[in-house]
Amino acid sequence: MKVVSKRYIENHKFMEFVSEIATQLTELNFHDETFVEVQDGLSDGTCIVFTEDAQEFYNERYDEVETMVNKIMGVYSDNELNE
């Protein structure tokens, strides 16, 4: 197997990509049960958040997608450079 060298991209771009894939997978799995509207205590309005089950699923998918991007593509967040 070919060893892939690490490539670093800006953290916000890395997180946006991984989050988008994880969100799409979550929406495909939960359909209409993905989001719920909740009262926003800061602005006295409402906001849309994942349901509890969807949030747990999203967190798991986020970790899996991040690992795949790292291992298969060799792409990492530039935050890793600061560790």
PDB file of N, CA and C in Angstrom:
ATOM      1  N   MET A   1       0.841  -1.172   0.000  1.00  0.00           N
ATOM      2  CA  MET A   1       0.000   0.000   0.000  1.00  0.00           C
ATOM      3  C   MET A   1       0.890   1.241   0.000  1.00  0.00           C
ATOM      4  N   LYS A   2       0.511   2.227  -0.804  1.00  0.00           N
ATOM      5  CA  LYS A   2       1.264   3.463  -0.911  1.00  0.00           C
ATOM      6  C   LYS A   2       1.052   4.307   0.348  1.00  0.00           C
ATOM      7  N   VAL A   3       2.129   4.845   0.877  1.00  0.00           N
ATOM      8  CA  VAL A   3       2.051   5.725   2.035  1.00  0.00           C
ATOM      9  C   VAL A   3       1.656   7.113   1.543  1.00  0.00           C
ATOM     10  N   VAL A   4       0.588   7.666   2.138  1.00  0.00           N
ATOM     11  CA  VAL A   4       0.106   8.985   1.753  1.00  0.00           C
ATOM     12  C   VAL A   4       0.725  10.018   2.680  1.00  0.00           C
ATOM     13  N   SER A   5       1.320  11.052   2.092  1.00  0.00           N
ATOM     14  CA  SER A   5       1.888  12.108   2.928  1.00  0.00           C
ATOM     15  C   SER A   5       0.763  13.010   3.427  1.00  0.00           C
ATOM     16  N   LYS A   6       0.990  13.621   4.563  1.00  0.00           N
ATOM     17  CA  LYS A   6      -0.026  14.489   5.150  1.00  0.00           C
ATOM     18  C   LYS A   6      -0.065  15.824   4.427  1.00  0.00           C
ATOM     19  N   ARG A   7      -1.299  16.271   4.170  1.00  0.00           N
ATOM     20  CA  ARG A   7      -1.531  17.607   3.633  1.00  0.00           C
ATOM     21  C   ARG A   7      -2.429  18.323   4.621  1.00  0.00           C
ATOM     22  N   TYR A   8      -2.129  19.568   4.893  1.00  0.00           N
ATOM     23  CA  TYR A   8      -2.886  20.330   5.873  1.00  0.00           C
ATOM     24  C   TYR A   8      -3.684  21.425   5.182  1.00  0.00           C
ATOM     25  N   ILE A   9      -4.936  21.577   5.626  1.00  0.00           N
ATOM     26  CA  ILE A   9      -5.767  22.670   5.120  1.00  0.00           C
ATOM     27  C   ILE A   9      -6.285  23.456   6.321  1.00  0.00           C
ATOM     28  N   GLU A  10      -6.784  24.649   6.046  1.00  0.00           N
ATOM     29  CA  GLU A  10      -7.298  25.505   7.114  1.00  0.00           C
ATOM     30  C   GLU A  10      -8.367  24.757   7.904  1.00  0.00           C
ATOM     31  N   ASN A  11      -8.307  24.894   9.227  1.00  0.00           N
ATOM     32  CA  ASN A  11      -9.210  24.169  10.115  1.00  0.00           C
ATOM     33  C   ASN A  11     -10.671  24.393   9.759  1.00  0.00           C
ATOM     34  N   HIS A  12     -11.066  25.641   9.488  1.00  0.00           N
ATOM     35  CA  HIS A  12     -12.485  25.906   9.212  1.00  0.00           C
ATOM     36  C   HIS A  12     -12.951  25.201   7.936  1.00  0.00           C
ATOM     37  N   LYS A  13     -12.087  25.077   6.943  1.00  0.00           N
ATOM     38  CA  LYS A  13     -12.454  24.375   5.710  1.00  0.00           C
ATOM     39  C   LYS A  13     -12.554  22.870   5.966  1.00  0.00           C
ATOM     40  N   PHE A  14     -11.611  22.344   6.737  1.00  0.00           N
ATOM     41  CA  PHE A  14     -11.622  20.927   7.066  1.00  0.00           C
ATOM     42  C   PHE A  14     -12.898  20.571   7.830  1.00  0.00           C
ATOM     43  N   MET A  15     -13.193  21.356   8.860  1.00  0.00           N
ATOM     44  CA  MET A  15     -14.378  21.086   9.684  1.00  0.00           C
ATOM     45  C   MET A  15     -15.671  21.260   8.888  1.00  0.00           C
ATOM     46  N   GLU A  16     -15.726  22.249   8.026  1.00  0.00           N
ATOM     47  CA  GLU A  16     -16.922  22.475   7.211  1.00  0.00           C
ATOM     48  C   GLU A  16     -17.186  21.275   6.296  1.00  0.00           C
ATOM     49  N   PHE A  17     -16.130  20.752   5.677  1.00  0.00           N
ATOM     50  CA  PHE A  17     -16.283  19.596   4.798  1.00  0.00           C
ATOM     51  C   PHE A  17     -16.770  18.372   5.570  1.00  0.00           C
ATOM     52  N   VAL A  18     -16.080  18.052   6.669  1.00  0.00           N
ATOM     53  CA  VAL A  18     -16.441  16.874   7.462  1.00  0.00           C
ATOM     54  C   VAL A  18     -17.859  17.029   8.011  1.00  0.00           C
ATOM     55  N   SER A  19     -18.198  18.208   8.489  1.00  0.00           N
ATOM     56  CA  SER A  19     -19.528  18.462   9.044  1.00  0.00           C
ATOM     57  C   SER A  19     -20.615  18.309   7.980  1.00  0.00           C
ATOM     58  N   GLU A  20     -20.358  18.806   6.783  1.00  0.00           N
ATOM     59  CA  GLU A  20     -21.342  18.705   5.706  1.00  0.00           C
ATOM     60  C   GLU A  20     -21.639  17.250   5.355  1.00  0.00           C
ATOM     61  N   ILE A  21     -20.605  16.432   5.247  1.00  0.00           N
ATOM     62  CA  ILE A  21     -20.803  15.015   4.940  1.00  0.00           C
ATOM     63  C   ILE A  21     -21.555  14.333   6.080  1.00  0.00           C
ATOM     64  N   ALA A  22     -21.155  14.598   7.320  1.00  0.00           N
ATOM     65  CA  ALA A  22     -21.820  13.999   8.481  1.00  0.00           C
ATOM     66  C   ALA A  22     -23.281  14.430   8.561  1.00  0.00           C
ATOM     67  N   THR A  23     -23.561  15.690   8.256  1.00  0.00           N
ATOM     68  CA  THR A  23     -24.945  16.187   8.273  1.00  0.00           C
ATOM     69  C   THR A  23     -25.776  15.505   7.200  1.00  0.00           C
ATOM     70  N   GLN A  24     -25.235  15.373   5.996  1.00  0.00           N
ATOM     71  CA  GLN A  24     -25.978  14.717   4.925  1.00  0.00           C
ATOM     72  C   GLN A  24     -26.284  13.261   5.278  1.00  0.00           C
ATOM     73  N   LEU A  25     -25.319  12.564   5.853  1.00  0.00           N
ATOM     74  CA  LEU A  25     -25.558  11.179   6.270  1.00  0.00           C
ATOM     75  C   LEU A  25     -26.637  11.109   7.345  1.00  0.00           C
ATOM     76  N   THR A  26     -26.615  12.059   8.263  1.00  0.00           N
ATOM     77  CA  THR A  26     -27.613  12.109   9.338  1.00  0.00           C
ATOM     78  C   THR A  26     -29.002  12.359   8.761  1.00  0.00           C
ATOM     79  N   GLU A  27     -29.113  13.304   7.838  1.00  0.00           N
ATOM     80  CA  GLU A  27     -30.400  13.599   7.212  1.00  0.00           C
ATOM     81  C   GLU A  27     -30.926  12.405   6.420  1.00  0.00           C
ATOM     82  N   LEU A  28     -30.034  11.682   5.745  1.00  0.00           N
ATOM     83  CA  LEU A  28     -30.445  10.489   5.006  1.00  0.00           C
ATOM     84  C   LEU A  28     -30.966   9.402   5.945  1.00  0.00           C
ATOM     85  N   ASN A  29     -30.410   9.326   7.135  1.00  0.00           N
ATOM     86  CA  ASN A  29     -30.794   8.301   8.093  1.00  0.00           C
ATOM     87  C   ASN A  29     -32.077   8.658   8.848  1.00  0.00           C
ATOM     88  N   PHE A  30     -32.241   9.927   9.219  1.00  0.00           N
ATOM     89  CA  PHE A  30     -33.353  10.321  10.086  1.00  0.00           C
ATOM     90  C   PHE A  30     -34.503  11.014   9.357  1.00  0.00           C
ATOM     91  N   HIS A  31     -34.290  11.446   8.134  1.00  0.00           N
ATOM     92  CA  HIS A  31     -35.320  12.107   7.324  1.00  0.00           C
ATOM     93  C   HIS A  31     -35.963  13.256   8.108  1.00  0.00           C
ATOM     94  N   ASP A  32     -37.281  13.221   8.275  1.00  0.00           N
ATOM     95  CA  ASP A  32     -38.019  14.291   8.956  1.00  0.00           C
ATOM     96  C   ASP A  32     -37.753  14.343  10.455  1.00  0.00           C
ATOM     97  N   GLU A  33     -37.095  13.340  10.988  1.00  0.00           N
ATOM     98  CA  GLU A  33     -36.813  13.286  12.426  1.00  0.00           C
ATOM     99  C   GLU A  33     -35.392  13.752  12.743  1.00  0.00           C
ATOM    100  N   THR A  34     -34.774  14.483  11.810  1.00  0.00           N
ATOM    101  CA  THR A  34     -33.391  14.928  11.997  1.00  0.00           C
ATOM    102  C   THR A  34     -33.309  16.139  12.910  1.00  0.00           C
ATOM    103  N   PHE A  35     -34.196  17.108  12.711  1.00  0.00           N
ATOM    104  CA  PHE A  35     -34.113  18.382  13.412  1.00  0.00           C
ATOM    105  C   PHE A  35     -35.356  18.650  14.246  1.00  0.00           C
ATOM    106  N   VAL A  36     -35.176  19.511  15.238  1.00  0.00           N
ATOM    107  CA  VAL A  36     -36.280  19.961  16.065  1.00  0.00           C
ATOM    108  C   VAL A  36     -36.072  21.455  16.327  1.00  0.00           C
ATOM    109  N   GLU A  37     -37.154  22.178  16.444  1.00  0.00           N
ATOM    110  CA  GLU A  37     -37.083  23.605  16.745  1.00  0.00           C
ATOM    111  C   GLU A  37     -37.143  23.779  18.260  1.00  0.00           C
ATOM    112  N   VAL A  38     -36.215  24.557  18.803  1.00  0.00           N
ATOM    113  CA  VAL A  38     -36.172  24.789  20.250  1.00  0.00           C
ATOM    114  C   VAL A  38     -36.129  26.276  20.540  1.00  0.00           C
ATOM    115  N   GLN A  39     -36.538  26.628  21.731  1.00  0.00           N
ATOM    116  CA  GLN A  39     -36.514  28.022  22.176  1.00  0.00           C
ATOM    117  C   GLN A  39     -35.072  28.462  22.388  1.00  0.00           C
ATOM    118  N   ASP A  40     -34.725  29.594  21.825  1.00  0.00           N
ATOM    119  CA  ASP A  40     -33.384  30.152  21.982  1.00  0.00           C
ATOM    120  C   ASP A  40     -33.414  31.158  23.127  1.00  0.00           C
ATOM    121  N   GLY A  41     -32.788  30.833  24.229  1.00  0.00           N
ATOM    122  CA  GLY A  41     -32.816  31.688  25.401  1.00  0.00           C
ATOM    123  C   GLY A  41     -32.073  32.996  25.227  1.00  0.00           C
ATOM    124  N   LEU A  42     -31.206  33.085  24.248  1.00  0.00           N
ATOM    125  CA  LEU A  42     -30.414  34.301  24.061  1.00  0.00           C
ATOM    126  C   LEU A  42     -31.169  35.394  23.321  1.00  0.00           C
ATOM    127  N   SER A  43     -31.915  35.013  22.305  1.00  0.00           N
ATOM    128  CA  SER A  43     -32.586  36.027  21.484  1.00  0.00           C
ATOM    129  C   SER A  43     -34.100  35.961  21.584  1.00  0.00           C
ATOM    130  N   ASP A  44     -34.597  35.170  22.490  1.00  0.00           N
ATOM    131  CA  ASP A  44     -36.045  34.980  22.655  1.00  0.00           C
ATOM    132  C   ASP A  44     -36.722  34.496  21.381  1.00  0.00           C
ATOM    133  N   GLY A  45     -35.962  33.859  20.528  1.00  0.00           N
ATOM    134  CA  GLY A  45     -36.501  33.280  19.312  1.00  0.00           C
ATOM    135  C   GLY A  45     -36.364  31.773  19.373  1.00  0.00           C
ATOM    136  N   THR A  46     -36.383  31.160  18.226  1.00  0.00           N
ATOM    137  CA  THR A  46     -36.204  29.714  18.150  1.00  0.00           C
ATOM    138  C   THR A  46     -35.014  29.409  17.251  1.00  0.00           C
ATOM    139  N   CYS A  47     -34.480  28.223  17.404  1.00  0.00           N
ATOM    140  CA  CYS A  47     -33.414  27.768  16.530  1.00  0.00           C
ATOM    141  C   CYS A  47     -33.651  26.292  16.216  1.00  0.00           C
ATOM    142  N   ILE A  48     -33.029  25.837  15.169  1.00  0.00           N
ATOM    143  CA  ILE A  48     -33.160  24.464  14.714  1.00  0.00           C
ATOM    144  C   ILE A  48     -31.917  23.700  15.139  1.00  0.00           C
ATOM    145  N   VAL A  49     -32.106  22.559  15.811  1.00  0.00           N
ATOM    146  CA  VAL A  49     -30.995  21.718  16.256  1.00  0.00           C
ATOM    147  C   VAL A  49     -31.308  20.267  15.922  1.00  0.00           C
ATOM    148  N   PHE A  50     -30.280  19.426  15.964  1.00  0.00           N
ATOM    149  CA  PHE A  50     -30.497  17.998  15.790  1.00  0.00           C
ATOM    150  C   PHE A  50     -31.333  17.458  16.947  1.00  0.00           C
ATOM    151  N   THR A  51     -32.147  16.445  16.664  1.00  0.00           N
ATOM    152  CA  THR A  51     -32.780  15.718  17.754  1.00  0.00           C
ATOM    153  C   THR A  51     -31.677  15.005  18.529  1.00  0.00           C
ATOM    154  N   GLU A  52     -31.981  14.520  19.715  1.00  0.00           N
ATOM    155  CA  GLU A  52     -30.963  13.867  20.536  1.00  0.00           C
ATOM    156  C   GLU A  52     -30.346  12.667  19.817  1.00  0.00           C
ATOM    157  N   ASP A  53     -31.191  11.818  19.228  1.00  0.00           N
ATOM    158  CA  ASP A  53     -30.682  10.643  18.509  1.00  0.00           C
ATOM    159  C   ASP A  53     -29.881  11.046  17.272  1.00  0.00           C
ATOM    160  N   ALA A  54     -30.371  12.054  16.556  1.00  0.00           N
ATOM    161  CA  ALA A  54     -29.663  12.516  15.366  1.00  0.00           C
ATOM    162  C   ALA A  54     -28.316  13.124  15.742  1.00  0.00           C
ATOM    163  N   GLN A  55     -28.244  13.828  16.870  1.00  0.00           N
ATOM    164  CA  GLN A  55     -26.975  14.421  17.310  1.00  0.00           C
ATOM    165  C   GLN A  55     -25.948  13.339  17.618  1.00  0.00           C
ATOM    166  N   GLU A  56     -26.389  12.287  18.278  1.00  0.00           N
ATOM    167  CA  GLU A  56     -25.483  11.174  18.588  1.00  0.00           C
ATOM    168  C   GLU A  56     -24.980  10.525  17.297  1.00  0.00           C
ATOM    169  N   PHE A  57     -25.893  10.298  16.353  1.00  0.00           N
ATOM    170  CA  PHE A  57     -25.535   9.713  15.059  1.00  0.00           C
ATOM    171  C   PHE A  57     -24.552  10.626  14.325  1.00  0.00           C
ATOM    172  N   TYR A  58     -24.846  11.926  14.298  1.00  0.00           N
ATOM    173  CA  TYR A  58     -23.975  12.909  13.643  1.00  0.00           C
ATOM    174  C   TYR A  58     -22.574  12.862  14.243  1.00  0.00           C
ATOM    175  N   ASN A  59     -22.478  12.860  15.566  1.00  0.00           N
ATOM    176  CA  ASN A  59     -21.169  12.835  16.225  1.00  0.00           C
ATOM    177  C   ASN A  59     -20.353  11.613  15.795  1.00  0.00           C
ATOM    178  N   GLU A  60     -21.019  10.467  15.716  1.00  0.00           N
ATOM    179  CA  GLU A  60     -20.337   9.235  15.295  1.00  0.00           C
ATOM    180  C   GLU A  60     -19.896   9.335  13.837  1.00  0.00           C
ATOM    181  N   ARG A  61     -20.770   9.841  12.967  1.00  0.00           N
ATOM    182  CA  ARG A  61     -20.420   9.974  11.557  1.00  0.00           C
ATOM    183  C   ARG A  61     -19.299  10.993  11.377  1.00  0.00           C
ATOM    184  N   TYR A  62     -19.326  12.075  12.135  1.00  0.00           N
ATOM    185  CA  TYR A  62     -18.274  13.092  12.040  1.00  0.00           C
ATOM    186  C   TYR A  62     -16.924  12.446  12.309  1.00  0.00           C
ATOM    187  N   ASP A  63     -16.841  11.681  13.391  1.00  0.00           N
ATOM    188  CA  ASP A  63     -15.581  11.007  13.732  1.00  0.00           C
ATOM    189  C   ASP A  63     -15.149  10.046  12.632  1.00  0.00           C
ATOM    190  N   GLU A  64     -16.096   9.302  12.072  1.00  0.00           N
ATOM    191  CA  GLU A  64     -15.776   8.341  11.018  1.00  0.00           C
ATOM    192  C   GLU A  64     -15.299   9.042   9.750  1.00  0.00           C
ATOM    193  N   VAL A  65     -15.986  10.116   9.357  1.00  0.00           N
ATOM    194  CA  VAL A  65     -15.599  10.851   8.147  1.00  0.00           C
ATOM    195  C   VAL A  65     -14.227  11.490   8.342  1.00  0.00           C
ATOM    196  N   GLU A  66     -14.004  12.086   9.499  1.00  0.00           N
ATOM    197  CA  GLU A  66     -12.702  12.694   9.781  1.00  0.00           C
ATOM    198  C   GLU A  66     -11.588  11.664   9.676  1.00  0.00           C
ATOM    199  N   THR A  67     -11.800  10.492  10.224  1.00  0.00           N
ATOM    200  CA  THR A  67     -10.803   9.426  10.165  1.00  0.00           C
ATOM    201  C   THR A  67     -10.550   8.987   8.728  1.00  0.00           C
ATOM    202  N   MET A  68     -11.611   8.849   7.925  1.00  0.00           N
ATOM    203  CA  MET A  68     -11.440   8.446   6.529  1.00  0.00           C
ATOM    204  C   MET A  68     -10.670   9.494   5.732  1.00  0.00           C
ATOM    205  N   VAL A  69     -11.009  10.767   5.936  1.00  0.00           N
ATOM    206  CA  VAL A  69     -10.307  11.839   5.220  1.00  0.00           C
ATOM    207  C   VAL A  69      -8.824  11.824   5.593  1.00  0.00           C
ATOM    208  N   ASN A  70      -8.546  11.596   6.878  1.00  0.00           N
ATOM    209  CA  ASN A  70      -7.146  11.525   7.324  1.00  0.00           C
ATOM    210  C   ASN A  70      -6.431  10.332   6.713  1.00  0.00           C
ATOM    211  N   LYS A  71      -6.998   9.144   6.867  1.00  0.00           N
ATOM    212  CA  LYS A  71      -6.300   7.920   6.476  1.00  0.00           C
ATOM    213  C   LYS A  71      -6.268   7.686   4.968  1.00  0.00           C
ATOM    214  N   ILE A  72      -7.374   7.948   4.297  1.00  0.00           N
ATOM    215  CA  ILE A  72      -7.455   7.647   2.867  1.00  0.00           C
ATOM    216  C   ILE A  72      -6.865   8.769   2.019  1.00  0.00           C
ATOM    217  N   MET A  73      -7.197  10.007   2.363  1.00  0.00           N
ATOM    218  CA  MET A  73      -6.761  11.135   1.549  1.00  0.00           C
ATOM    219  C   MET A  73      -5.502  11.810   2.081  1.00  0.00           C
ATOM    220  N   GLY A  74      -5.170  11.550   3.339  1.00  0.00           N
ATOM    221  CA  GLY A  74      -3.995  12.194   3.924  1.00  0.00           C
ATOM    222  C   GLY A  74      -4.193  13.672   4.184  1.00  0.00           C
ATOM    223  N   VAL A  75      -5.457  14.081   4.357  1.00  0.00           N
ATOM    224  CA  VAL A  75      -5.780  15.491   4.578  1.00  0.00           C
ATOM    225  C   VAL A  75      -6.107  15.685   6.057  1.00  0.00           C
ATOM    226  N   TYR A  76      -5.498  16.730   6.631  1.00  0.00           N
ATOM    227  CA  TYR A  76      -5.650  17.011   8.055  1.00  0.00           C
ATOM    228  C   TYR A  76      -5.925  18.496   8.269  1.00  0.00           C
ATOM    229  N   SER A  77      -6.516  18.798   9.395  1.00  0.00           N
ATOM    230  CA  SER A  77      -6.708  20.186   9.796  1.00  0.00           C
ATOM    231  C   SER A  77      -5.368  20.779  10.172  1.00  0.00           C
ATOM    232  N   ASP A  78      -5.162  22.061   9.842  1.00  0.00           N
ATOM    233  CA  ASP A  78      -3.916  22.701  10.232  1.00  0.00           C
ATOM    234  C   ASP A  78      -3.832  22.932  11.740  1.00  0.00           C
ATOM    235  N   ASN A  79      -4.924  22.676  12.471  1.00  0.00           N
ATOM    236  CA  ASN A  79      -4.878  22.733  13.938  1.00  0.00           C
ATOM    237  C   ASN A  79      -3.918  21.694  14.485  1.00  0.00           C
ATOM    238  N   GLU A  80      -3.755  20.605  13.763  1.00  0.00           N
ATOM    239  CA  GLU A  80      -2.845  19.550  14.192  1.00  0.00           C
ATOM    240  C   GLU A  80      -1.400  20.055  14.267  1.00  0.00           C
ATOM    241  N   LEU A  81      -1.094  21.056  13.466  1.00  0.00           N
ATOM    242  CA  LEU A  81       0.268  21.607  13.462  1.00  0.00           C
ATOM    243  C   LEU A  81       0.581  22.333  14.755  1.00  0.00           C
ATOM    244  N   ASN A  82      -0.447  22.788  15.457  1.00  0.00           N
ATOM    245  CA  ASN A  82      -0.261  23.557  16.691  1.00  0.00           C
ATOM    246  C   ASN A  82      -0.219  22.678  17.932  1.00  0.00           C
ATOM    247  N   GLU A  83      -0.411  21.390  17.778  1.00  0.00           N
ATOM    248  CA  GLU A  83      -0.437  20.489  18.936  1.00  0.00           C
ATOM    249  C   GLU A  83       0.959  20.087  19.349  1.00  0.00           C
TER     250      GLU A  83
END
